Amino acid sequence: MNLLVVASSVDSFGLSALEAMSVGTPVLAVSAGGLPEIISSGDNGFLIESPDPGLIRGAVDSFLRNPSRMKQVSEKGIQTAKEKFSVNEQVDKIQKVMEECLE
């Protein structure tokens, strides 16, 4: 099984993480920038607090030792990407903001 590791301590949105989630690749990322808005740690991915190599290695090892958990996270990642970040969902959110601005 594949795993995306986002080890950056600075990230504006996390597009690569979202793209990985949308195709069923589990994500392990540093809790930075917009990533906590995309990833609910332990649910649809995993967040760690720092880009420390030892911490990353331990998290990757733990993740890879549990293929059934990776499968669950993978499935939840697909669901999150479809439900919260689809084009239609984003258009609806933008439209709502525009309507509120016009009121």
PDB file of N, CA and C in Angstrom:
ATOM      1  N   MET A   1       0.849  -1.189   0.000  1.00  0.00           N
ATOM      2  CA  MET A   1       0.000   0.000   0.000  1.00  0.00           C
ATOM      3  C   MET A   1       0.881   1.234   0.000  1.00  0.00           C
ATOM      4  N   ASN A   2       0.441   2.261  -0.723  1.00  0.00           N
ATOM      5  CA  ASN A   2       1.133   3.541  -0.760  1.00  0.00           C
ATOM      6  C   ASN A   2       0.766   4.379   0.448  1.00  0.00           C
ATOM      7  N   LEU A   3       1.609   5.350   0.730  1.00  0.00           N
ATOM      8  CA  LEU A   3       1.389   6.285   1.818  1.00  0.00           C
ATOM      9  C   LEU A   3       2.034   7.598   1.421  1.00  0.00           C
ATOM     10  N   LEU A   4       1.286   8.705   1.516  1.00  0.00           N
ATOM     11  CA  LEU A   4       1.862  10.021   1.271  1.00  0.00           C
ATOM     12  C   LEU A   4       2.292  10.610   2.601  1.00  0.00           C
ATOM     13  N   VAL A   5       3.544  11.046   2.667  1.00  0.00           N
ATOM     14  CA  VAL A   5       4.056  11.725   3.854  1.00  0.00           C
ATOM     15  C   VAL A   5       4.296  13.179   3.477  1.00  0.00           C
ATOM     16  N   VAL A   6       3.597  14.086   4.158  1.00  0.00           N
ATOM     17  CA  VAL A   6       3.779  15.519   3.951  1.00  0.00           C
ATOM     18  C   VAL A   6       4.547  16.022   5.168  1.00  0.00           C
ATOM     19  N   ALA A   7       5.864  16.192   4.985  1.00  0.00           N
ATOM     20  CA  ALA A   7       6.738  16.518   6.111  1.00  0.00           C
ATOM     21  C   ALA A   7       7.038  18.008   6.231  1.00  0.00           C
ATOM     22  N   SER A   8       6.378  18.808   5.447  1.00  0.00           N
ATOM     23  CA  SER A   8       6.606  20.250   5.483  1.00  0.00           C
ATOM     24  C   SER A   8       5.991  20.862   6.732  1.00  0.00           C
ATOM     25  N   SER A   9       6.706  21.811   7.335  1.00  0.00           N
ATOM     26  CA  SER A   9       6.160  22.496   8.503  1.00  0.00           C
ATOM     27  C   SER A   9       5.418  23.771   8.097  1.00  0.00           C
ATOM     28  N   VAL A  10       5.363  24.050   6.786  1.00  0.00           N
ATOM     29  CA  VAL A  10       4.632  25.196   6.253  1.00  0.00           C
ATOM     30  C   VAL A  10       3.825  24.701   5.059  1.00  0.00           C
ATOM     31  N   ASP A  11       2.534  24.915   5.105  1.00  0.00           N
ATOM     32  CA  ASP A  11       1.673  24.483   4.003  1.00  0.00           C
ATOM     33  C   ASP A  11       0.441  25.370   3.984  1.00  0.00           C
ATOM     34  N   SER A  12       0.137  25.941   2.835  1.00  0.00           N
ATOM     35  CA  SER A  12      -0.994  26.870   2.798  1.00  0.00           C
ATOM     36  C   SER A  12      -2.336  26.148   2.776  1.00  0.00           C
ATOM     37  N   PHE A  13      -2.457  25.081   2.017  1.00  0.00           N
ATOM     38  CA  PHE A  13      -3.740  24.382   1.932  1.00  0.00           C
ATOM     39  C   PHE A  13      -3.596  22.875   2.038  1.00  0.00           C
ATOM     40  N   GLY A  14      -2.678  22.283   1.347  1.00  0.00           N
ATOM     41  CA  GLY A  14      -2.518  20.834   1.391  1.00  0.00           C
ATOM     42  C   GLY A  14      -3.123  20.136   0.186  1.00  0.00           C
ATOM     43  N   LEU A  15      -2.984  20.752  -0.985  1.00  0.00           N
ATOM     44  CA  LEU A  15      -3.568  20.179  -2.191  1.00  0.00           C
ATOM     45  C   LEU A  15      -3.047  18.774  -2.468  1.00  0.00           C
ATOM     46  N   SER A  16      -1.754  18.546  -2.284  1.00  0.00           N
ATOM     47  CA  SER A  16      -1.214  17.206  -2.557  1.00  0.00           C
ATOM     48  C   SER A  16      -1.841  16.168  -1.626  1.00  0.00           C
ATOM     49  N   ALA A  17      -2.083  16.555  -0.376  1.00  0.00           N
ATOM     50  CA  ALA A  17      -2.729  15.636   0.566  1.00  0.00           C
ATOM     51  C   ALA A  17      -4.158  15.335   0.122  1.00  0.00           C
ATOM     52  N   LEU A  18      -4.881  16.363  -0.278  1.00  0.00           N
ATOM     53  CA  LEU A  18      -6.259  16.168  -0.730  1.00  0.00           C
ATOM     54  C   LEU A  18      -6.318  15.313  -1.991  1.00  0.00           C
ATOM     55  N   GLU A  19      -5.396  15.553  -2.916  1.00  0.00           N
ATOM     56  CA  GLU A  19      -5.352  14.739  -4.141  1.00  0.00           C
ATOM     57  C   GLU A  19      -5.074  13.276  -3.805  1.00  0.00           C
ATOM     58  N   ALA A  20      -4.147  13.037  -2.878  1.00  0.00           N
ATOM     59  CA  ALA A  20      -3.844  11.664  -2.469  1.00  0.00           C
ATOM     60  C   ALA A  20      -5.066  11.016  -1.840  1.00  0.00           C
ATOM     61  N   MET A  21      -5.724  11.742  -0.950  1.00  0.00           N
ATOM     62  CA  MET A  21      -6.920  11.205  -0.286  1.00  0.00           C
ATOM     63  C   MET A  21      -7.997  10.854  -1.310  1.00  0.00           C
ATOM     64  N   SER A  22      -8.143  11.677  -2.331  1.00  0.00           N
ATOM     65  CA  SER A  22      -9.215  11.469  -3.311  1.00  0.00           C
ATOM     66  C   SER A  22      -9.044  10.186  -4.118  1.00  0.00           C
ATOM     67  N   VAL A  23      -7.812   9.680  -4.200  1.00  0.00           N
ATOM     68  CA  VAL A  23      -7.570   8.432  -4.925  1.00  0.00           C
ATOM     69  C   VAL A  23      -7.270   7.269  -3.988  1.00  0.00           C
ATOM     70  N   GLY A  24      -7.495   7.470  -2.688  1.00  0.00           N
ATOM     71  CA  GLY A  24      -7.368   6.376  -1.741  1.00  0.00           C
ATOM     72  C   GLY A  24      -5.989   6.158  -1.159  1.00  0.00           C
ATOM     73  N   THR A  25      -5.109   7.136  -1.296  1.00  0.00           N
ATOM     74  CA  THR A  25      -3.785   7.021  -0.692  1.00  0.00           C
ATOM     75  C   THR A  25      -3.831   7.644   0.703  1.00  0.00           C
ATOM     76  N   PRO A  26      -3.543   6.874   1.733  1.00  0.00           N
ATOM     77  CA  PRO A  26      -3.537   7.431   3.087  1.00  0.00           C
ATOM     78  C   PRO A  26      -2.470   8.517   3.222  1.00  0.00           C
ATOM     79  N   VAL A  27      -2.722   9.481   4.113  1.00  0.00           N
ATOM     80  CA  VAL A  27      -1.821  10.627   4.287  1.00  0.00           C
ATOM     81  C   VAL A  27      -1.371  10.728   5.740  1.00  0.00           C
ATOM     82  N   LEU A  28      -0.074  10.918   5.902  1.00  0.00           N
ATOM     83  CA  LEU A  28       0.545  11.221   7.185  1.00  0.00           C
ATOM     84  C   LEU A  28       1.191  12.584   7.003  1.00  0.00           C
ATOM     85  N   ALA A  29       0.786  13.570   7.791  1.00  0.00           N
ATOM     86  CA  ALA A  29       1.272  14.929   7.574  1.00  0.00           C
ATOM     87  C   ALA A  29       1.590  15.635   8.878  1.00  0.00           C
ATOM     88  N   VAL A  30       2.470  16.616   8.773  1.00  0.00           N
ATOM     89  CA  VAL A  30       2.744  17.507   9.897  1.00  0.00           C
ATOM     90  C   VAL A  30       1.542  18.430  10.031  1.00  0.00           C
ATOM     91  N   SER A  31       1.109  18.650  11.231  1.00  0.00           N
ATOM     92  CA  SER A  31      -0.042  19.513  11.496  1.00  0.00           C
ATOM     93  C   SER A  31       0.376  20.969  11.287  1.00  0.00           C
ATOM     94  N   ALA A  32       0.247  21.436  10.049  1.00  0.00           N
ATOM     95  CA  ALA A  32       0.683  22.787   9.697  1.00  0.00           C
ATOM     96  C   ALA A  32      -0.231  23.353   8.618  1.00  0.00           C
ATOM     97  N   GLY A  33      -0.341  24.668   8.603  1.00  0.00           N
ATOM     98  CA  GLY A  33      -1.114  25.343   7.571  1.00  0.00           C
ATOM     99  C   GLY A  33      -2.544  24.842   7.510  1.00  0.00           C
ATOM    100  N   GLY A  34      -3.000  24.542   6.313  1.00  0.00           N
ATOM    101  CA  GLY A  34      -4.372  24.101   6.114  1.00  0.00           C
ATOM    102  C   GLY A  34      -4.603  22.613   6.290  1.00  0.00           C
ATOM    103  N   LEU A  35      -3.549  21.854   6.547  1.00  0.00           N
ATOM    104  CA  LEU A  35      -3.706  20.401   6.653  1.00  0.00           C
ATOM    105  C   LEU A  35      -4.681  19.962   7.742  1.00  0.00           C
ATOM    106  N   PRO A  36      -4.695  20.598   8.917  1.00  0.00           N
ATOM    107  CA  PRO A  36      -5.687  20.196   9.918  1.00  0.00           C
ATOM    108  C   PRO A  36      -7.138  20.456   9.491  1.00  0.00           C
ATOM    109  N   GLU A  37      -7.340  21.306   8.493  1.00  0.00           N
ATOM    110  CA  GLU A  37      -8.691  21.528   7.979  1.00  0.00           C
ATOM    111  C   GLU A  37      -9.130  20.394   7.063  1.00  0.00           C
ATOM    112  N   ILE A  38      -8.168  19.667   6.519  1.00  0.00           N
ATOM    113  CA  ILE A  38      -8.445  18.568   5.601  1.00  0.00           C
ATOM    114  C   ILE A  38      -8.424  17.232   6.335  1.00  0.00           C
ATOM    115  N   ILE A  39      -7.425  17.078   7.195  1.00  0.00           N
ATOM    116  CA  ILE A  39      -7.186  15.789   7.855  1.00  0.00           C
ATOM    117  C   ILE A  39      -7.680  15.812   9.292  1.00  0.00           C
ATOM    118  N   SER A  40      -8.525  14.849   9.600  1.00  0.00           N
ATOM    119  CA  SER A  40      -8.951  14.609  10.976  1.00  0.00           C
ATOM    120  C   SER A  40      -8.125  13.419  11.460  1.00  0.00           C
ATOM    121  N   SER A  41      -7.121  13.699  12.279  1.00  0.00           N
ATOM    122  CA  SER A  41      -6.134  12.685  12.643  1.00  0.00           C
ATOM    123  C   SER A  41      -6.775  11.440  13.241  1.00  0.00           C
ATOM    124  N   GLY A  42      -6.404  10.308  12.665  1.00  0.00           N
ATOM    125  CA  GLY A  42      -6.933   9.032  13.116  1.00  0.00           C
ATOM    126  C   GLY A  42      -8.212   8.636  12.413  1.00  0.00           C
ATOM    127  N   ASP A  43      -8.788   9.562  11.667  1.00  0.00           N
ATOM    128  CA  ASP A  43     -10.044   9.299  10.974  1.00  0.00           C
ATOM    129  C   ASP A  43      -9.816   9.143   9.467  1.00  0.00           C
ATOM    130  N   ASN A  44      -9.388  10.219   8.813  1.00  0.00           N
ATOM    131  CA  ASN A  44      -9.182  10.168   7.364  1.00  0.00           C
ATOM    132  C   ASN A  44      -7.711  10.385   6.998  1.00  0.00           C
ATOM    133  N   GLY A  45      -6.841  10.339   7.974  1.00  0.00           N
ATOM    134  CA  GLY A  45      -5.404  10.520   7.803  1.00  0.00           C
ATOM    135  C   GLY A  45      -4.780  10.625   9.175  1.00  0.00           C
ATOM    136  N   PHE A  46      -3.500  10.971   9.205  1.00  0.00           N
ATOM    137  CA  PHE A  46      -2.820  11.119  10.483  1.00  0.00           C
ATOM    138  C   PHE A  46      -1.992  12.389  10.494  1.00  0.00           C
ATOM    139  N   LEU A  47      -2.063  13.120  11.590  1.00  0.00           N
ATOM    140  CA  LEU A  47      -1.279  14.331  11.770  1.00  0.00           C
ATOM    141  C   LEU A  47      -0.258  14.110  12.878  1.00  0.00           C
ATOM    142  N   ILE A  48       0.942  14.624  12.662  1.00  0.00           N
ATOM    143  CA  ILE A  48       1.970  14.618  13.697  1.00  0.00           C
ATOM    144  C   ILE A  48       2.342  16.074  13.965  1.00  0.00           C
ATOM    145  N   GLU A  49       2.901  16.342  15.126  1.00  0.00           N
ATOM    146  CA  GLU A  49       3.120  17.717  15.574  1.00  0.00           C
ATOM    147  C   GLU A  49       4.364  18.396  15.019  1.00  0.00           C
ATOM    148  N   SER A  50       5.359  17.618  14.595  1.00  0.00           N
ATOM    149  CA  SER A  50       6.571  18.263  14.099  1.00  0.00           C
ATOM    150  C   SER A  50       7.188  17.433  12.980  1.00  0.00           C
ATOM    151  N   PRO A  51       8.039  18.073  12.170  1.00  0.00           N
ATOM    152  CA  PRO A  51       8.694  17.341  11.079  1.00  0.00           C
ATOM    153  C   PRO A  51       9.956  16.597  11.535  1.00  0.00           C
ATOM    154  N   ASP A  52      10.053  16.284  12.799  1.00  0.00           N
ATOM    155  CA  ASP A  52      11.202  15.553  13.328  1.00  0.00           C
ATOM    156  C   ASP A  52      11.319  14.193  12.626  1.00  0.00           C
ATOM    157  N   PRO A  53      12.479  13.883  12.037  1.00  0.00           N
ATOM    158  CA  PRO A  53      12.636  12.621  11.303  1.00  0.00           C
ATOM    159  C   PRO A  53      12.321  11.372  12.130  1.00  0.00           C
ATOM    160  N   GLY A  54      12.695  11.377  13.392  1.00  0.00           N
ATOM    161  CA  GLY A  54      12.396  10.218  14.241  1.00  0.00           C
ATOM    162  C   GLY A  54      10.912  10.039  14.459  1.00  0.00           C
ATOM    163  N   LEU A  55      10.213  11.137  14.645  1.00  0.00           N
ATOM    164  CA  LEU A  55       8.765  11.098  14.820  1.00  0.00           C
ATOM    165  C   LEU A  55       8.075  10.608  13.543  1.00  0.00           C
ATOM    166  N   ILE A  56       8.548  11.104  12.411  1.00  0.00           N
ATOM    167  CA  ILE A  56       7.988  10.678  11.122  1.00  0.00           C
ATOM    168  C   ILE A  56       8.239   9.188  10.917  1.00  0.00           C
ATOM    169  N   ARG A  57       9.472   8.757  11.154  1.00  0.00           N
ATOM    170  CA  ARG A  57       9.803   7.337  10.966  1.00  0.00           C
ATOM    171  C   ARG A  57       8.925   6.445  11.836  1.00  0.00           C
ATOM    172  N   GLY A  58       8.755   6.823  13.106  1.00  0.00           N
ATOM    173  CA  GLY A  58       7.928   6.029  14.002  1.00  0.00           C
ATOM    174  C   GLY A  58       6.479   5.980  13.548  1.00  0.00           C
ATOM    175  N   ALA A  59       5.957   7.112  13.083  1.00  0.00           N
ATOM    176  CA  ALA A  59       4.572   7.154  12.621  1.00  0.00           C
ATOM    177  C   ALA A  59       4.392   6.315  11.351  1.00  0.00           C
ATOM    178  N   VAL A  60       5.346   6.405  10.437  1.00  0.00           N
ATOM    179  CA  VAL A  60       5.279   5.605   9.205  1.00  0.00           C
ATOM    180  C   VAL A  60       5.336   4.126   9.552  1.00  0.00           C
ATOM    181  N   ASP A  61       6.264   3.737  10.407  1.00  0.00           N
ATOM    182  CA  ASP A  61       6.375   2.328  10.811  1.00  0.00           C
ATOM    183  C   ASP A  61       5.071   1.825  11.418  1.00  0.00           C
ATOM    184  N   SER A  62       4.505   2.614  12.312  1.00  0.00           N
ATOM    185  CA  SER A  62       3.255   2.239  12.966  1.00  0.00           C
ATOM    186  C   SER A  62       2.121   2.107  11.953  1.00  0.00           C
ATOM    187  N   PHE A  63       2.060   3.051  11.058  1.00  0.00           N
ATOM    188  CA  PHE A  63       1.017   3.071  10.035  1.00  0.00           C
ATOM    189  C   PHE A  63       1.124   1.841   9.137  1.00  0.00           C
ATOM    190  N   LEU A  64       2.335   1.556   8.662  1.00  0.00           N
ATOM    191  CA  LEU A  64       2.528   0.461   7.714  1.00  0.00           C
ATOM    192  C   LEU A  64       2.350  -0.917   8.351  1.00  0.00           C
ATOM    193  N   ARG A  65       2.483  -1.003   9.664  1.00  0.00           N
ATOM    194  CA  ARG A  65       2.284  -2.288  10.357  1.00  0.00           C
ATOM    195  C   ARG A  65       0.819  -2.653  10.518  1.00  0.00           C
ATOM    196  N   ASN A  66      -0.067  -1.744  10.165  1.00  0.00           N
ATOM    197  CA  ASN A  66      -1.491  -1.985  10.367  1.00  0.00           C
ATOM    198  C   ASN A  66      -2.266  -1.765   9.067  1.00  0.00           C
ATOM    199  N   PRO A  67      -2.193  -2.731   8.133  1.00  0.00           N
ATOM    200  CA  PRO A  67      -2.841  -2.561   6.837  1.00  0.00           C
ATOM    201  C   PRO A  67      -4.362  -2.388   6.921  1.00  0.00           C
ATOM    202  N   SER A  68      -5.002  -3.013   7.894  1.00  0.00           N
ATOM    203  CA  SER A  68      -6.456  -2.855   8.000  1.00  0.00           C
ATOM    204  C   SER A  68      -6.807  -1.422   8.392  1.00  0.00           C
ATOM    205  N   ARG A  69      -5.994  -0.829   9.250  1.00  0.00           N
ATOM    206  CA  ARG A  69      -6.216   0.567   9.648  1.00  0.00           C
ATOM    207  C   ARG A  69      -5.954   1.496   8.466  1.00  0.00           C
ATOM    208  N   MET A  70      -4.916   1.193   7.682  1.00  0.00           N
ATOM    209  CA  MET A  70      -4.625   1.998   6.493  1.00  0.00           C
ATOM    210  C   MET A  70      -5.801   1.953   5.518  1.00  0.00           C
ATOM    211  N   LYS A  71      -6.410   0.779   5.385  1.00  0.00           N
ATOM    212  CA  LYS A  71      -7.560   0.644   4.482  1.00  0.00           C
ATOM    213  C   LYS A  71      -8.724   1.495   4.974  1.00  0.00           C
ATOM    214  N   GLN A  72      -8.996   1.480   6.271  1.00  0.00           N
ATOM    215  CA  GLN A  72     -10.082   2.300   6.835  1.00  0.00           C
ATOM    216  C   GLN A  72      -9.830   3.789   6.597  1.00  0.00           C
ATOM    217  N   VAL A  73      -8.612   4.220   6.866  1.00  0.00           N
ATOM    218  CA  VAL A  73      -8.246   5.624   6.689  1.00  0.00           C
ATOM    219  C   VAL A  73      -8.342   6.005   5.212  1.00  0.00           C
ATOM    220  N   SER A  74      -7.907   5.098   4.355  1.00  0.00           N
ATOM    221  CA  SER A  74      -7.979   5.323   2.911  1.00  0.00           C
ATOM    222  C   SER A  74      -9.424   5.540   2.451  1.00  0.00           C
ATOM    223  N   GLU A  75     -10.314   4.679   2.901  1.00  0.00           N
ATOM    224  CA  GLU A  75     -11.729   4.794   2.527  1.00  0.00           C
ATOM    225  C   GLU A  75     -12.345   6.088   3.054  1.00  0.00           C
ATOM    226  N   LYS A  76     -12.000   6.450   4.279  1.00  0.00           N
ATOM    227  CA  LYS A  76     -12.515   7.692   4.868  1.00  0.00           C
ATOM    228  C   LYS A  76     -11.944   8.914   4.139  1.00  0.00           C
ATOM    229  N   GLY A  77     -10.705   8.815   3.690  1.00  0.00           N
ATOM    230  CA  GLY A  77     -10.091   9.899   2.917  1.00  0.00           C
ATOM    231  C   GLY A  77     -10.822  10.140   1.608  1.00  0.00           C
ATOM    232  N   ILE A  78     -11.183   9.073   0.922  1.00  0.00           N
ATOM    233  CA  ILE A  78     -11.953   9.196  -0.324  1.00  0.00           C
ATOM    234  C   ILE A  78     -13.284   9.880  -0.027  1.00  0.00           C
ATOM    235  N   GLN A  79     -13.945   9.434   1.010  1.00  0.00           N
ATOM    236  CA  GLN A  79     -15.245  10.001   1.392  1.00  0.00           C
ATOM    237  C   GLN A  79     -15.113  11.496   1.720  1.00  0.00           C
ATOM    238  N   THR A  80     -14.099  11.861   2.479  1.00  0.00           N
ATOM    239  CA  THR A  80     -13.880  13.268   2.840  1.00  0.00           C
ATOM    240  C   THR A  80     -13.648  14.114   1.597  1.00  0.00           C
ATOM    241  N   ALA A  81     -12.797  13.640   0.703  1.00  0.00           N
ATOM    242  CA  ALA A  81     -12.498  14.397  -0.518  1.00  0.00           C
ATOM    243  C   ALA A  81     -13.762  14.611  -1.348  1.00  0.00           C
ATOM    244  N   LYS A  82     -14.578  13.583  -1.468  1.00  0.00           N
ATOM    245  CA  LYS A  82     -15.803  13.687  -2.274  1.00  0.00           C
ATOM    246  C   LYS A  82     -16.852  14.583  -1.616  1.00  0.00           C
ATOM    247  N   GLU A  83     -17.026  14.430  -0.319  1.00  0.00           N
ATOM    248  CA  GLU A  83     -18.107  15.144   0.361  1.00  0.00           C
ATOM    249  C   GLU A  83     -17.770  16.595   0.697  1.00  0.00           C
ATOM    250  N   LYS A  84     -16.541  16.863   1.064  1.00  0.00           N
ATOM    251  CA  LYS A  84     -16.197  18.206   1.542  1.00  0.00           C
ATOM    252  C   LYS A  84     -15.443  19.063   0.537  1.00  0.00           C
ATOM    253  N   PHE A  85     -14.820  18.435  -0.457  1.00  0.00           N
ATOM    254  CA  PHE A  85     -13.958  19.198  -1.347  1.00  0.00           C
ATOM    255  C   PHE A  85     -14.254  18.973  -2.836  1.00  0.00           C
ATOM    256  N   SER A  86     -15.439  18.482  -3.154  1.00  0.00           N
ATOM    257  CA  SER A  86     -15.796  18.310  -4.560  1.00  0.00           C
ATOM    258  C   SER A  86     -15.999  19.678  -5.195  1.00  0.00           C
ATOM    259  N   VAL A  87     -15.974  19.730  -6.500  1.00  0.00           N
ATOM    260  CA  VAL A  87     -16.202  20.991  -7.214  1.00  0.00           C
ATOM    261  C   VAL A  87     -17.568  21.548  -6.848  1.00  0.00           C
ATOM    262  N   ASN A  88     -18.583  20.712  -6.830  1.00  0.00           N
ATOM    263  CA  ASN A  88     -19.935  21.184  -6.498  1.00  0.00           C
ATOM    264  C   ASN A  88     -20.003  21.762  -5.091  1.00  0.00           C
ATOM    265  N   GLU A  89     -19.343  21.122  -4.153  1.00  0.00           N
ATOM    266  CA  GLU A  89     -19.327  21.609  -2.772  1.00  0.00           C
ATOM    267  C   GLU A  89     -18.640  22.969  -2.699  1.00  0.00           C
ATOM    268  N   GLN A  90     -17.541  23.117  -3.413  1.00  0.00           N
ATOM    269  CA  GLN A  90     -16.815  24.389  -3.396  1.00  0.00           C
ATOM    270  C   GLN A  90     -17.621  25.503  -4.062  1.00  0.00           C
ATOM    271  N   VAL A  91     -18.295  25.180  -5.159  1.00  0.00           N
ATOM    272  CA  VAL A  91     -19.138  26.176  -5.827  1.00  0.00           C
ATOM    273  C   VAL A  91     -20.267  26.609  -4.897  1.00  0.00           C
ATOM    274  N   ASP A  92     -20.876  25.666  -4.205  1.00  0.00           N
ATOM    275  CA  ASP A  92     -21.948  26.003  -3.257  1.00  0.00           C
ATOM    276  C   ASP A  92     -21.439  26.922  -2.148  1.00  0.00           C
ATOM    277  N   LYS A  93     -20.257  26.654  -1.639  1.00  0.00           N
ATOM    278  CA  LYS A  93     -19.688  27.489  -0.572  1.00  0.00           C
ATOM    279  C   LYS A  93     -19.397  28.905  -1.076  1.00  0.00           C
ATOM    280  N   ILE A  94     -18.843  29.004  -2.262  1.00  0.00           N
ATOM    281  CA  ILE A  94     -18.553  30.321  -2.839  1.00  0.00           C
ATOM    282  C   ILE A  94     -19.842  31.088  -3.095  1.00  0.00           C
ATOM    283  N   GLN A  95     -20.824  30.400  -3.624  1.00  0.00           N
ATOM    284  CA  GLN A  95     -22.112  31.047  -3.891  1.00  0.00           C
ATOM    285  C   GLN A  95     -22.733  31.568  -2.595  1.00  0.00           C
ATOM    286  N   LYS A  96     -22.655  30.788  -1.539  1.00  0.00           N
ATOM    287  CA  LYS A  96     -23.206  31.214  -0.250  1.00  0.00           C
ATOM    288  C   LYS A  96     -22.506  32.478   0.257  1.00  0.00           C
ATOM    289  N   VAL A  97     -21.195  32.522   0.146  1.00  0.00           N
ATOM    290  CA  VAL A  97     -20.448  33.705   0.587  1.00  0.00           C
ATOM    291  C   VAL A  97     -20.839  34.916  -0.260  1.00  0.00           C
ATOM    292  N   MET A  98     -20.962  34.722  -1.554  1.00  0.00           N
ATOM    293  CA  MET A  98     -21.339  35.836  -2.431  1.00  0.00           C
ATOM    294  C   MET A  98     -22.742  36.358  -2.091  1.00  0.00           C
ATOM    295  N   GLU A  99     -23.658  35.446  -1.830  1.00  0.00           N
ATOM    296  CA  GLU A  99     -25.018  35.861  -1.471  1.00  0.00           C
ATOM    297  C   GLU A  99     -25.022  36.637  -0.157  1.00  0.00           C
ATOM    298  N   GLU A 100     -24.209  36.186   0.806  1.00  0.00           N
ATOM    299  CA  GLU A 100     -24.120  36.889   2.086  1.00  0.00           C
ATOM    300  C   GLU A 100     -23.536  38.286   1.892  1.00  0.00           C
ATOM    301  N   CYS A 101     -22.618  38.438   0.992  1.00  0.00           N
ATOM    302  CA  CYS A 101     -22.011  39.751   0.724  1.00  0.00           C
ATOM    303  C   CYS A 101     -23.013  40.708   0.084  1.00  0.00           C
ATOM    304  N   LEU A 102     -23.947  40.164  -0.667  1.00  0.00           N
ATOM    305  CA  LEU A 102     -24.934  40.998  -1.362  1.00  0.00           C
ATOM    306  C   LEU A 102     -26.101  41.380  -0.487  1.00  0.00           C
ATOM    307  N   GLU A 103     -26.223  40.745   0.656  1.00  0.00           N
ATOM    308  CA  GLU A 103     -27.345  41.056   1.557  1.00  0.00           C
ATOM    309  C   GLU A 103     -27.137  42.354   2.294  1.00  0.00           C
TER     310      GLU A 103
END
